[in-house]
Amino acid sequence: MTRVSLEKYHDIVVRLKELKTTIVTDSVKGSSDEYPYTSHSITLHGVRNDEKTREEVKLLEQRKSAIDGFIDEITDIRAKTLLDMHYRKGWGWCKVAHKTGKSMDANKQYLKRFWKCTHLSPNVPI
């Protein structure tokens, strides 16, 4: 897992919500069941459910699940808390510092050391 992957978490959640809740509208022509069989427009509303959308949702859910699994498996409580607050909840470092009672620099430094100790690459500095 890399920092770049973690940073995509919020975007993944936003895109999933967009795909699952955006209402699409279409209209079709219909007619009355009875005489005089007048033609009129019928508006349809629903959530997009085509193959492309289903595939994108499946892929995004897999990526989100991988990130969730990575964070959930971390045994270092402080690192897990910092990653959860910053990446899952999308909090800025200032809010994380306020909630943890540690400075922003202390939290960032702790995560740098965590990445180094786990031999995982943060890809770019935090």
Protein backbone atom coordinates (compact mmCIF):
# COMPACT_ATOMS: atom_id res chain seq x y z
CA MET A 1 0.00 0.00 0.00
CA THR A 2 1.32 3.44 -0.84
CA ARG A 3 0.42 6.94 0.22
CA VAL A 4 -0.81 7.60 -3.30
CA SER A 5 -3.25 4.69 -2.94
CA LEU A 6 -4.42 5.97 0.44
CA GLU A 7 -4.96 9.46 -0.95
CA LYS A 8 -7.36 8.06 -3.52
CA TYR A 9 -9.68 6.71 -0.79
CA HIS A 10 -11.82 9.84 -0.52
CA ASP A 11 -12.15 10.13 -4.30
CA ILE A 12 -13.18 6.47 -4.49
CA VAL A 13 -15.90 6.99 -1.87
CA VAL A 14 -17.19 10.11 -3.63
CA ARG A 15 -17.28 8.38 -7.03
CA LEU A 16 -19.06 5.32 -5.60
CA LYS A 17 -21.71 7.52 -4.04
CA GLU A 18 -22.11 9.38 -7.31
CA LEU A 19 -22.54 6.17 -9.30
CA LYS A 20 -24.96 4.60 -6.83
CA THR A 21 -27.20 7.59 -6.18
CA THR A 22 -27.28 9.80 -9.27
CA ILE A 23 -30.71 9.68 -10.81
CA VAL A 24 -30.82 9.52 -14.59
CA THR A 25 -33.87 10.56 -16.55
CA ASP A 26 -35.17 9.42 -19.90
CA SER A 27 -38.44 9.79 -21.72
CA VAL A 28 -40.35 7.45 -24.00
CA LYS A 29 -43.53 7.70 -26.01
CA GLY A 30 -46.57 5.81 -24.82
CA SER A 31 -50.27 5.72 -25.48
CA SER A 32 -53.42 5.30 -23.46
CA ASP A 33 -54.72 1.77 -22.83
CA GLU A 34 -58.15 2.73 -24.03
CA TYR A 35 -59.64 4.52 -26.98
CA PRO A 36 -58.74 7.17 -28.27
CA TYR A 37 -55.16 5.83 -27.77
CA THR A 38 -53.57 9.27 -27.53
CA SER A 39 -49.79 9.41 -27.64
CA HIS A 40 -47.96 11.08 -24.76
CA SER A 41 -44.46 11.24 -23.26
CA ILE A 42 -43.59 9.18 -20.21
CA THR A 43 -40.62 10.24 -18.08
CA LEU A 44 -38.55 7.50 -16.43
CA HIS A 45 -36.25 8.08 -13.45
CA GLY A 46 -33.72 5.66 -11.99
CA VAL A 47 -30.12 4.88 -11.15
CA ARG A 48 -27.83 4.02 -14.06
CA ASN A 49 -27.37 0.24 -14.21
CA ASP A 50 -25.51 -0.49 -17.42
CA GLU A 51 -22.55 -2.89 -17.72
CA LYS A 52 -19.94 -0.10 -17.74
CA THR A 53 -21.32 1.42 -14.54
CA ARG A 54 -21.52 -1.97 -12.79
CA GLU A 55 -17.90 -2.73 -13.72
CA GLU A 56 -16.71 0.64 -12.44
CA VAL A 57 -18.60 0.18 -9.16
CA LYS A 58 -17.09 -3.30 -8.76
CA LEU A 59 -13.55 -2.02 -9.38
CA LEU A 60 -13.94 0.94 -7.02
CA GLU A 61 -15.40 -1.27 -4.28
CA GLN A 62 -12.41 -3.63 -4.62
CA ARG A 63 -9.96 -0.72 -4.29
CA LYS A 64 -11.84 0.70 -1.31
CA SER A 65 -11.93 -2.73 0.32
CA ALA A 66 -8.17 -3.17 -0.18
CA ILE A 67 -7.46 0.17 1.51
CA ASP A 68 -9.91 -0.61 4.34
CA GLY A 69 -8.29 -4.02 4.82
CA PHE A 70 -4.82 -2.51 4.92
CA ILE A 71 -5.76 0.04 7.56
CA ASP A 72 -7.76 -2.51 9.58
CA GLU A 73 -4.80 -4.92 9.73
CA ILE A 74 -2.36 -2.36 11.13
CA THR A 75 -1.44 -3.31 14.70
CA ASP A 76 0.20 0.02 15.57
CA ILE A 77 -2.69 1.85 17.23
CA ARG A 78 -1.38 5.37 16.65
CA ALA A 79 -0.54 4.77 12.99
CA LYS A 80 -3.93 3.13 12.46
CA THR A 81 -5.69 6.08 14.10
CA LEU A 82 -3.74 8.63 12.06
CA LEU A 83 -4.37 6.81 8.78
CA ASP A 84 -8.05 6.38 9.61
CA MET A 85 -8.56 10.03 10.52
CA HIS A 86 -6.57 11.50 7.65
CA TYR A 87 -7.41 9.16 4.78
CA ARG A 88 -10.70 7.43 5.60
CA LYS A 89 -12.40 10.36 7.30
CA GLY A 90 -10.66 12.92 5.09
CA TRP A 91 -9.64 15.16 7.97
CA GLY A 92 -6.89 17.71 7.44
CA TRP A 93 -3.70 17.44 9.49
CA CYS A 94 -4.80 20.37 11.64
CA LYS A 95 -8.00 18.60 12.73
CA VAL A 96 -6.09 15.33 13.26
CA ALA A 97 -3.64 17.21 15.48
CA HIS A 98 -6.49 18.73 17.47
CA LYS A 99 -8.19 15.35 17.98
CA THR A 100 -5.01 13.45 18.89
CA GLY A 101 -3.46 16.14 21.05
CA LYS A 102 -0.20 15.87 19.12
CA SER A 103 1.22 18.46 16.74
CA MET A 104 0.79 18.13 13.00
CA ASP A 105 4.53 17.66 12.59
CA ALA A 106 4.62 14.97 15.29
CA ASN A 107 1.82 13.03 13.58
CA LYS A 108 3.44 13.30 10.15
CA GLN A 109 6.83 12.28 11.54
CA TYR A 110 5.25 9.29 13.29
CA LEU A 111 3.74 8.10 10.01
CA LYS A 112 7.06 8.57 8.20
CA ARG A 113 8.70 6.33 10.77
CA PHE A 114 5.82 3.87 10.52
CA TRP A 115 6.30 3.60 6.74
CA LYS A 116 10.03 3.13 7.19
CA CYS A 117 9.62 0.42 9.87
CA THR A 118 7.08 -1.55 7.83
CA HIS A 119 9.28 -1.34 4.73
CA LEU A 120 6.32 -0.04 2.77
CA SER A 121 6.77 2.87 0.46
CA PRO A 122 4.86 6.04 1.10
CA ASN A 123 5.85 6.97 -2.51
CA VAL A 124 6.13 10.63 -1.61
CA PRO A 125 6.74 12.39 1.70
CA ILE A 126 3.69 12.89 3.90
